[in-house]
C-alpha atoms as a PDB file:
ATOM      1  CA  MET A   1       0.000   0.000   0.000  1.00  0.00           C
ATOM      2  CA  ARG A   2       2.776   2.412   0.996  1.00  0.00           C
ATOM      3  CA  ASN A   3       4.668   1.700  -2.239  1.00  0.00           C
ATOM      4  CA  GLY A   4       1.511   2.379  -4.246  1.00  0.00           C
ATOM      5  CA  ILE A   5       0.949   5.728  -2.537  1.00  0.00           C
ATOM      6  CA  GLY A   6       4.598   6.651  -3.022  1.00  0.00           C
ATOM      7  CA  LEU A   7       4.380   5.821  -6.722  1.00  0.00           C
ATOM      8  CA  GLN A   8       1.298   8.016  -7.121  1.00  0.00           C
ATOM      9  CA  MET A   9       3.007  10.919  -5.351  1.00  0.00           C
ATOM     10  CA  ALA A  10       6.106  10.556  -7.515  1.00  0.00           C
ATOM     11  CA  ARG A  11       3.945  10.452 -10.647  1.00  0.00           C
ATOM     12  CA  LYS A  12       2.140  13.636  -9.598  1.00  0.00           C
ATOM     13  CA  LEU A  13       5.368  15.512  -8.833  1.00  0.00           C
ATOM     14  CA  ILE A  14       6.990  14.511 -12.127  1.00  0.00           C
ATOM     15  CA  LYS A  15       3.915  15.559 -14.084  1.00  0.00           C
ATOM     16  CA  ILE A  16       3.671  18.882 -12.250  1.00  0.00           C
ATOM     17  CA  CYS A  17       7.320  19.657 -13.066  1.00  0.00           C
ATOM     18  CA  LEU A  18       6.897  18.709 -16.725  1.00  0.00           C
ATOM     19  CA  LEU A  19       3.662  20.671 -17.052  1.00  0.00           C
ATOM     20  CA  SER A  20       5.272  23.739 -15.482  1.00  0.00           C
ATOM     21  CA  LEU A  21       8.108  23.559 -18.004  1.00  0.00           C
ATOM     22  CA  LEU A  22       5.643  23.069 -20.860  1.00  0.00           C
ATOM     23  CA  VAL A  23       3.540  26.061 -19.841  1.00  0.00           C
ATOM     24  CA  SER A  24       6.616  28.270 -19.419  1.00  0.00           C
ATOM     25  CA  PHE A  25       7.889  27.327 -22.870  1.00  0.00           C
ATOM     26  CA  SER A  26       4.443  27.769 -24.427  1.00  0.00           C
ATOM     27  CA  VAL A  27       4.172  31.256 -22.902  1.00  0.00           C
ATOM     28  CA  LEU A  28       7.527  32.175 -24.446  1.00  0.00           C
ATOM     29  CA  VAL A  29       6.662  30.848 -27.920  1.00  0.00           C
ATOM     30  CA  ALA A  30       3.161  32.337 -27.943  1.00  0.00           C
ATOM     31  CA  SER A  31       4.460  35.702 -26.719  1.00  0.00           C
ATOM     32  CA  LEU A  32       7.036  35.800 -29.513  1.00  0.00           C
ATOM     33  CA  THR A  33       4.356  34.890 -32.052  1.00  0.00           C
ATOM     34  CA  ASP A  34       2.108  37.631 -30.721  1.00  0.00           C
ATOM     35  CA  LEU A  35       4.967  40.134 -30.894  1.00  0.00           C
ATOM     36  CA  LEU A  36       6.214  39.232 -34.375  1.00  0.00           C
ATOM     37  CA  LEU A  37       2.885  38.851 -36.160  1.00  0.00           C
ATOM     38  CA  GLN A  38       0.664  41.913 -36.378  1.00  0.00           C
ATOM     39  CA  ASP A  39      -1.983  40.555 -38.733  1.00  0.00           C
ATOM     40  CA  ARG A  40      -4.767  39.058 -36.593  1.00  0.00           C
ATOM     41  CA  LYS A  41      -5.698  36.303 -39.031  1.00  0.00           C
ATOM     42  CA  ARG A  42      -2.115  35.080 -39.470  1.00  0.00           C
ATOM     43  CA  LYS A  43      -1.492  35.356 -35.735  1.00  0.00           C
ATOM     44  CA  LEU A  44      -4.472  33.162 -34.839  1.00  0.00           C
ATOM     45  CA  PHE A  45      -3.600  30.719 -37.617  1.00  0.00           C
ATOM     46  CA  TYR A  46      -0.122  30.132 -36.191  1.00  0.00           C
ATOM     47  CA  LEU A  47      -1.263  30.222 -32.566  1.00  0.00           C
ATOM     48  CA  SER A  48      -3.798  27.470 -33.268  1.00  0.00           C
ATOM     49  CA  ARG A  49      -1.039  25.303 -34.706  1.00  0.00           C
ATOM     50  CA  ILE A  50       1.351  26.057 -31.869  1.00  0.00           C
ATOM     51  CA  THR A  51      -1.387  25.156 -29.400  1.00  0.00           C
ATOM     52  CA  SER A  52      -1.984  21.908 -31.287  1.00  0.00           C
ATOM     53  CA  LEU A  53       1.665  20.943 -30.782  1.00  0.00           C
ATOM     54  CA  PHE A  54       1.581  21.865 -27.105  1.00  0.00           C
ATOM     55  CA  SER A  55      -1.690  19.956 -26.674  1.00  0.00           C
ATOM     56  CA  LYS A  56       0.041  16.826 -27.944  1.00  0.00           C
ATOM     57  CA  ALA A  57       2.834  17.362 -25.429  1.00  0.00           C
ATOM     58  CA  LEU A  58       0.379  18.021 -22.592  1.00  0.00           C
ATOM     59  CA  LEU A  59      -1.587  14.847 -23.343  1.00  0.00           C
ATOM     60  CA  LYS A  60       1.653  12.866 -23.468  1.00  0.00           C
ATOM     61  CA  ILE A  61       2.567  14.121 -20.002  1.00  0.00           C
ATOM     62  CA  LEU A  62      -0.900  13.278 -18.672  1.00  0.00           C
ATOM     63  CA  GLY A  63      -0.775   9.787 -20.185  1.00  0.00           C
ATOM     64  CA  VAL A  64      -3.677  10.437 -22.560  1.00  0.00           C
ATOM     65  CA  ARG A  65      -3.717   8.288 -25.709  1.00  0.00           C
ATOM     66  CA  VAL A  66      -5.948   9.555 -28.515  1.00  0.00           C
ATOM     67  CA  TYR A  67      -7.379   7.142 -31.085  1.00  0.00           C
ATOM     68  CA  VAL A  68      -8.620   8.997 -34.163  1.00  0.00           C
ATOM     69  CA  LYS A  69     -11.348   7.612 -36.422  1.00  0.00           C
ATOM     70  CA  ASN A  70     -12.756   9.001 -39.693  1.00  0.00           C
ATOM     71  CA  LEU A  71     -11.017  12.368 -39.442  1.00  0.00           C
ATOM     72  CA  GLU A  72      -8.180  11.967 -41.938  1.00  0.00           C
ATOM     73  CA  ASN A  73      -9.893  13.795 -44.817  1.00  0.00           C
ATOM     74  CA  SER A  74     -11.190  16.612 -42.607  1.00  0.00           C
ATOM     75  CA  VAL A  75      -7.795  17.222 -41.004  1.00  0.00           C
ATOM     76  CA  LYS A  76      -6.024  17.314 -44.377  1.00  0.00           C
ATOM     77  CA  SER A  77      -8.688  19.501 -46.008  1.00  0.00           C
ATOM     78  CA  ASP A  78      -7.957  23.162 -46.685  1.00  0.00           C
ATOM     79  CA  ASN A  79     -11.552  24.008 -45.770  1.00  0.00           C
ATOM     80  CA  ASN A  80     -12.321  25.222 -42.284  1.00  0.00           C
ATOM     81  CA  HIS A  81     -15.205  23.947 -40.174  1.00  0.00           C
ATOM     82  CA  LEU A  82     -17.350  24.784 -37.203  1.00  0.00           C
ATOM     83  CA  ILE A  83     -16.551  21.716 -35.116  1.00  0.00           C
ATOM     84  CA  VAL A  84     -19.109  20.598 -32.531  1.00  0.00           C
ATOM     85  CA  SER A  85     -18.536  17.930 -29.898  1.00  0.00           C
ATOM     86  CA  ASN A  86     -19.974  16.354 -26.806  1.00  0.00           C
ATOM     87  CA  HIS A  87     -18.253  17.474 -23.610  1.00  0.00           C
ATOM     88  CA  LEU A  88     -17.057  15.399 -20.653  1.00  0.00           C
ATOM     89  CA  SER A  89     -13.886  16.958 -19.239  1.00  0.00           C
ATOM     90  CA  TYR A  90     -11.611  19.987 -19.399  1.00  0.00           C
ATOM     91  CA  ILE A  91      -9.068  17.855 -21.274  1.00  0.00           C
ATOM     92  CA  ASP A  92     -11.526  17.536 -24.200  1.00  0.00           C
ATOM     93  CA  ILE A  93     -10.171  20.823 -25.540  1.00  0.00           C
ATOM     94  CA  PHE A  94      -6.647  19.478 -25.774  1.00  0.00           C
ATOM     95  CA  VAL A  95      -7.741  16.136 -27.235  1.00  0.00           C
ATOM     96  CA  ILE A  96      -9.421  17.903 -30.163  1.00  0.00           C
ATOM     97  CA  SER A  97      -6.679  20.526 -30.521  1.00  0.00           C
ATOM     98  CA  SER A  98      -3.998  17.828 -30.714  1.00  0.00           C
ATOM     99  CA  VAL A  99      -5.666  16.470 -33.862  1.00  0.00           C
ATOM    100  CA  ILE A 100      -7.297  19.549 -35.425  1.00  0.00           C
ATOM    101  CA  PRO A 101      -5.610  22.977 -35.073  1.00  0.00           C
ATOM    102  CA  SER A 102      -8.498  25.237 -34.124  1.00  0.00           C
ATOM    103  CA  ILE A 103      -9.815  28.117 -32.039  1.00  0.00           C
ATOM    104  CA  PHE A 104     -11.966  27.123 -29.072  1.00  0.00           C
ATOM    105  CA  VAL A 105     -15.136  28.620 -27.716  1.00  0.00           C
ATOM    106  CA  ALA A 106     -14.794  27.947 -23.992  1.00  0.00           C
ATOM    107  CA  SER A 107     -16.891  28.847 -20.992  1.00  0.00           C
ATOM    108  CA  ILE A 108     -15.469  31.585 -18.757  1.00  0.00           C
ATOM    109  CA  ASP A 109     -16.103  29.668 -15.530  1.00  0.00           C
ATOM    110  CA  GLU A 110     -14.996  26.305 -16.944  1.00  0.00           C
ATOM    111  CA  VAL A 111     -11.557  27.074 -18.357  1.00  0.00           C
ATOM    112  CA  ARG A 112     -10.402  30.690 -18.352  1.00  0.00           C
ATOM    113  CA  ASP A 113      -9.551  30.998 -14.676  1.00  0.00           C
ATOM    114  CA  LYS A 114      -8.067  27.512 -14.315  1.00  0.00           C
ATOM    115  CA  PHE A 115      -4.305  27.883 -13.745  1.00  0.00           C
ATOM    116  CA  LEU A 116      -2.611  25.703 -16.356  1.00  0.00           C
ATOM    117  CA  LEU A 117      -5.519  24.977 -18.681  1.00  0.00           C
ATOM    118  CA  GLY A 118      -6.689  28.564 -18.774  1.00  0.00           C
ATOM    119  CA  ARG A 119      -3.196  29.777 -19.578  1.00  0.00           C
ATOM    120  CA  MET A 120      -2.791  27.398 -22.525  1.00  0.00           C
ATOM    121  CA  ALA A 121      -6.292  28.133 -23.817  1.00  0.00           C
ATOM    122  CA  LYS A 122      -5.616  31.885 -23.738  1.00  0.00           C
ATOM    123  CA  LEU A 123      -2.332  31.452 -25.577  1.00  0.00           C
ATOM    124  CA  GLY A 124      -4.119  29.575 -28.343  1.00  0.00           C
ATOM    125  CA  GLY A 125      -6.548  32.419 -28.960  1.00  0.00           C
ATOM    126  CA  SER A 126      -9.579  30.775 -27.347  1.00  0.00           C
ATOM    127  CA  ILE A 127     -12.801  32.756 -27.137  1.00  0.00           C
ATOM    128  CA  PHE A 128     -14.248  32.852 -23.644  1.00  0.00           C
ATOM    129  CA  VAL A 129     -18.008  33.187 -23.460  1.00  0.00           C
ATOM    130  CA  ASP A 130     -20.430  33.671 -20.615  1.00  0.00           C
ATOM    131  CA  ARG A 131     -23.146  31.159 -21.432  1.00  0.00           C
ATOM    132  CA  ARG A 132     -25.365  32.696 -18.748  1.00  0.00           C
ATOM    133  CA  SER A 133     -25.327  36.167 -20.329  1.00  0.00           C
ATOM    134  CA  ARG A 134     -27.896  36.700 -23.082  1.00  0.00           C
ATOM    135  CA  ALA A 135     -26.780  40.324 -23.360  1.00  0.00           C
ATOM    136  CA  ARG A 136     -23.407  39.294 -24.815  1.00  0.00           C
ATOM    137  CA  LEU A 137     -24.724  36.525 -27.057  1.00  0.00           C
ATOM    138  CA  SER A 138     -24.997  38.611 -30.236  1.00  0.00           C
ATOM    139  CA  GLU A 139     -21.465  39.978 -29.819  1.00  0.00           C
ATOM    140  CA  GLU A 140     -20.049  36.484 -29.242  1.00  0.00           C
ATOM    141  CA  ILE A 141     -21.845  35.106 -32.317  1.00  0.00           C
ATOM    142  CA  ASP A 142     -20.338  37.927 -34.395  1.00  0.00           C
ATOM    143  CA  THR A 143     -16.850  37.130 -33.061  1.00  0.00           C
ATOM    144  CA  ILE A 144     -17.174  33.456 -34.006  1.00  0.00           C
ATOM    145  CA  SER A 145     -18.543  34.429 -37.427  1.00  0.00           C
ATOM    146  CA  GLU A 146     -15.493  36.618 -38.101  1.00  0.00           C
ATOM    147  CA  LEU A 147     -13.142  33.758 -37.253  1.00  0.00           C
ATOM    148  CA  LEU A 148     -14.979  31.456 -39.652  1.00  0.00           C
ATOM    149  CA  LYS A 149     -14.864  34.122 -42.377  1.00  0.00           C
ATOM    150  CA  ASP A 150     -11.098  34.298 -41.856  1.00  0.00           C
ATOM    151  CA  GLY A 151     -10.856  30.600 -42.711  1.00  0.00           C
ATOM    152  CA  LEU A 152     -10.148  29.394 -39.174  1.00  0.00           C
ATOM    153  CA  SER A 153     -11.728  26.268 -37.710  1.00  0.00           C
ATOM    154  CA  VAL A 154     -13.659  26.907 -34.508  1.00  0.00           C
ATOM    155  CA  VAL A 155     -14.626  24.317 -31.880  1.00  0.00           C
ATOM    156  CA  LEU A 156     -17.563  24.588 -29.515  1.00  0.00           C
ATOM    157  CA  PHE A 157     -19.459  22.345 -27.121  1.00  0.00           C
ATOM    158  CA  PRO A 158     -23.181  22.930 -27.775  1.00  0.00           C
ATOM    159  CA  GLU A 159     -24.252  21.089 -24.606  1.00  0.00           C
ATOM    160  CA  GLY A 160     -23.095  24.230 -22.813  1.00  0.00           C
ATOM    161  CA  THR A 161     -21.601  22.205 -19.960  1.00  0.00           C
ATOM    162  CA  THR A 162     -19.954  18.879 -19.193  1.00  0.00           C
ATOM    163  CA  SER A 163     -21.870  15.676 -18.444  1.00  0.00           C
ATOM    164  CA  ASN A 164     -21.241  12.627 -16.246  1.00  0.00           C
ATOM    165  CA  GLY A 165     -20.952  10.370 -19.280  1.00  0.00           C
ATOM    166  CA  ASP A 166     -24.353   8.701 -19.037  1.00  0.00           C
ATOM    167  CA  GLY A 167     -25.331  10.294 -22.337  1.00  0.00           C
ATOM    168  CA  VAL A 168     -25.192  13.387 -24.526  1.00  0.00           C
ATOM    169  CA  LEU A 169     -27.045  16.412 -23.140  1.00  0.00           C
ATOM    170  CA  SER A 170     -29.386  18.430 -25.347  1.00  0.00           C
ATOM    171  CA  PHE A 171     -27.694  20.974 -27.618  1.00  0.00           C
ATOM    172  CA  LYS A 172     -28.186  24.723 -27.373  1.00  0.00           C
ATOM    173  CA  ALA A 173     -28.670  26.161 -30.843  1.00  0.00           C
ATOM    174  CA  PRO A 174     -27.482  29.824 -30.751  1.00  0.00           C
ATOM    175  CA  PHE A 175     -23.758  29.119 -31.125  1.00  0.00           C
ATOM    176  CA  LEU A 176     -24.366  27.168 -34.337  1.00  0.00           C
ATOM    177  CA  THR A 177     -25.691  30.366 -35.909  1.00  0.00           C
ATOM    178  CA  PRO A 178     -22.240  31.520 -37.161  1.00  0.00           C
ATOM    179  CA  ALA A 179     -21.983  28.466 -39.424  1.00  0.00           C
ATOM    180  CA  ILE A 180     -25.265  29.377 -41.098  1.00  0.00           C
ATOM    181  CA  LYS A 181     -24.335  33.066 -41.364  1.00  0.00           C
ATOM    182  CA  THR A 182     -20.995  32.278 -43.007  1.00  0.00           C
ATOM    183  CA  LYS A 183     -22.074  29.100 -44.861  1.00  0.00           C
ATOM    184  CA  THR A 184     -19.330  27.129 -43.129  1.00  0.00           C
ATOM    185  CA  ALA A 185     -19.714  23.349 -42.987  1.00  0.00           C
ATOM    186  CA  ILE A 186     -20.305  21.867 -39.538  1.00  0.00           C
ATOM    187  CA  LEU A 187     -18.122  18.922 -38.526  1.00  0.00           C
ATOM    188  CA  PRO A 188     -19.613  16.900 -35.645  1.00  0.00           C
ATOM    189  CA  VAL A 189     -17.094  14.864 -33.659  1.00  0.00           C
ATOM    190  CA  CYS A 190     -17.709  12.434 -30.814  1.00  0.00           C
ATOM    191  CA  LEU A 191     -15.477  11.961 -27.785  1.00  0.00           C
ATOM    192  CA  ARG A 192     -15.586   8.535 -26.137  1.00  0.00           C
ATOM    193  CA  TYR A 193     -13.324   7.804 -23.183  1.00  0.00           C
ATOM    194  CA  ARG A 194     -12.566   4.086 -23.302  1.00  0.00           C
ATOM    195  CA  GLY A 195      -9.973   3.339 -20.648  1.00  0.00           C
ATOM    196  CA  ILE A 196      -8.562   4.593 -17.347  1.00  0.00           C
ATOM    197  CA  ASN A 197      -5.428   2.917 -15.979  1.00  0.00           C
ATOM    198  CA  GLY A 198      -5.985  -0.022 -18.319  1.00  0.00           C
ATOM    199  CA  GLU A 199      -9.581  -0.636 -17.207  1.00  0.00           C
ATOM    200  CA  GLY A 200     -12.748   0.170 -19.098  1.00  0.00           C
ATOM    201  CA  VAL A 201     -14.477   3.408 -18.106  1.00  0.00           C
ATOM    202  CA  ASN A 202     -17.238   2.681 -15.586  1.00  0.00           C
ATOM    203  CA  PRO A 203     -19.209   4.504 -12.851  1.00  0.00           C
ATOM    204  CA  ASP A 204     -16.499   3.662 -10.304  1.00  0.00           C
ATOM    205  CA  ASN A 205     -13.562   5.253 -12.129  1.00  0.00           C
ATOM    206  CA  ARG A 206     -15.012   7.760 -14.593  1.00  0.00           C
ATOM    207  CA  ASP A 207     -14.966  10.679 -12.130  1.00  0.00           C
ATOM    208  CA  PHE A 208     -11.163  10.618 -12.226  1.00  0.00           C
ATOM    209  CA  VAL A 209     -11.508  12.026 -15.771  1.00  0.00           C
ATOM    210  CA  PHE A 210     -15.040  13.360 -16.202  1.00  0.00           C
ATOM    211  CA  TYR A 211     -15.453  16.811 -14.678  1.00  0.00           C
ATOM    212  CA  TYR A 212     -18.996  18.025 -14.086  1.00  0.00           C
ATOM    213  CA  GLY A 213     -21.439  19.566 -11.657  1.00  0.00           C
ATOM    214  CA  ASP A 214     -19.892  21.152  -8.566  1.00  0.00           C
ATOM    215  CA  MET A 215     -16.589  19.282  -8.664  1.00  0.00           C
ATOM    216  CA  ASP A 216     -13.592  21.208  -7.328  1.00  0.00           C
ATOM    217  CA  PHE A 217     -11.139  21.789 -10.166  1.00  0.00           C
ATOM    218  CA  PHE A 218      -7.919  21.729  -8.159  1.00  0.00           C
ATOM    219  CA  GLY A 219      -8.782  18.527  -6.302  1.00  0.00           C
ATOM    220  CA  HIS A 220      -9.943  16.861  -9.502  1.00  0.00           C
ATOM    221  CA  PHE A 221      -6.816  17.849 -11.426  1.00  0.00           C
ATOM    222  CA  VAL A 222      -4.525  16.526  -8.683  1.00  0.00           C
ATOM    223  CA  GLU A 223      -6.322  13.169  -8.822  1.00  0.00           C
ATOM    224  CA  LEU A 224      -6.088  13.127 -12.614  1.00  0.00           C
ATOM    225  CA  LEU A 225      -2.309  13.549 -12.307  1.00  0.00           C
ATOM    226  CA  SER A 226      -2.145  10.265 -10.381  1.00  0.00           C
ATOM    227  CA  LEU A 227      -3.489   8.273 -13.344  1.00  0.00           C
ATOM    228  CA  SER A 228      -1.054   6.264 -15.436  1.00  0.00           C
ATOM    229  CA  SER A 229      -3.140   6.193 -18.626  1.00  0.00           C
ATOM    230  CA  ILE A 230      -6.322   7.522 -20.225  1.00  0.00           C
ATOM    231  CA  ASP A 231      -7.622   6.197 -23.551  1.00  0.00           C
ATOM    232  CA  VAL A 232     -10.004   8.309 -25.620  1.00  0.00           C
ATOM    233  CA  GLU A 233     -11.504   7.995 -29.091  1.00  0.00           C
ATOM    234  CA  LEU A 234     -12.075  11.045 -31.279  1.00  0.00           C
ATOM    235  CA  ILE A 235     -14.542  10.105 -33.994  1.00  0.00           C
ATOM    236  CA  GLY A 236     -15.260  12.250 -37.034  1.00  0.00           C
ATOM    237  CA  LEU A 237     -18.858  12.167 -38.256  1.00  0.00           C
ATOM    238  CA  GLU A 238     -20.659  13.263 -41.407  1.00  0.00           C
ATOM    239  CA  ASN A 239     -20.225  16.905 -42.414  1.00  0.00           C
ATOM    240  CA  ILE A 240     -23.369  19.027 -42.280  1.00  0.00           C
ATOM    241  CA  ARG A 241     -23.638  21.458 -45.182  1.00  0.00           C
ATOM    242  CA  VAL A 242     -25.462  24.691 -44.415  1.00  0.00           C
ATOM    243  CA  ASP A 243     -25.771  26.257 -47.865  1.00  0.00           C
ATOM    244  CA  SER A 244     -29.125  24.757 -48.803  1.00  0.00           C
ATOM    245  CA  GLY A 245     -31.557  26.780 -46.716  1.00  0.00           C
ATOM    246  CA  ILE A 246     -31.287  24.531 -43.677  1.00  0.00           C
ATOM    247  CA  SER A 247     -32.533  26.096 -40.443  1.00  0.00           C
ATOM    248  CA  ARG A 248     -30.611  26.483 -37.201  1.00  0.00           C
ATOM    249  CA  LYS A 249     -33.023  24.092 -35.496  1.00  0.00           C
ATOM    250  CA  GLU A 250     -32.468  21.446 -38.178  1.00  0.00           C
ATOM    251  CA  VAL A 251     -28.694  21.853 -38.014  1.00  0.00           C
ATOM    252  CA  THR A 252     -28.723  21.496 -34.239  1.00  0.00           C
ATOM    253  CA  LYS A 253     -30.859  18.349 -34.369  1.00  0.00           C
ATOM    254  CA  LEU A 254     -28.659  16.763 -37.044  1.00  0.00           C
ATOM    255  CA  ALA A 255     -25.459  17.430 -35.086  1.00  0.00           C
ATOM    256  CA  PHE A 256     -27.017  16.129 -31.867  1.00  0.00           C
ATOM    257  CA  ASP A 257     -28.366  12.969 -33.516  1.00  0.00           C
ATOM    258  CA  PHE A 258     -25.024  12.176 -35.178  1.00  0.00           C
ATOM    259  CA  ILE A 259     -23.056  12.577 -31.943  1.00  0.00           C
ATOM    260  CA  LYS A 260     -25.607  10.785 -29.761  1.00  0.00           C
ATOM    261  CA  LEU A 261     -25.653   7.793 -32.123  1.00  0.00           C
ATOM    262  CA  ALA A 262     -21.838   7.606 -32.195  1.00  0.00           C
ATOM    263  CA  TYR A 263     -21.552   7.926 -28.411  1.00  0.00           C
ATOM    264  CA  HIS A 264     -23.691   4.883 -27.603  1.00  0.00           C
END
């Protein structure tokens, strides 16, 4: 028992040191990029790719193995997408970023103020939205629309929050509006966590990874650092074209149905 506890503590300390070095280096690289590039579009383009590289490094440190399915053509394509996904944990952002360089739409209270994750999300040009504020909704939709017009891929989680993994929560439609306004194809992707420390994900171990409800971030993150491995699938689904008069309600239902079917 004592050896097991000692191993967990050593694993946590090593990961904390490596993550601190990674964040420090990412701050340096992102700051130089911000200083050298004045054009906003080019700056965000390169920041999204830098963040993708750092996301791969972060997942490696955390022991997260990503298995990609049906995304090869989308990743290689020159066309940008509005990418929508189910949402289970704060590491979802880095799982998707490691495969698809993109700008994230993240909740203010979920990511922005979280020490390490918030720092890396900010460096990558993430948009932080207040999902509880209707007053800012129009402005946030316009911001996302401008990014799509600039040819950047944008990722959002239309559930509006994380779930406990029992299923996919209903989607909130407003943030899919930019795709319709800019006639940008929507790419639904499904996240499925398959293994934790070599065991299948189940109600007894899933809370080591899934982050939802009133969980304390710091305590949860410390426990996540003790894990030796996390296996997750990132599944690309059928593109949804929005240039044929399709309504926001129809788009939302299609994306939800695709992801729900793939999740179960």
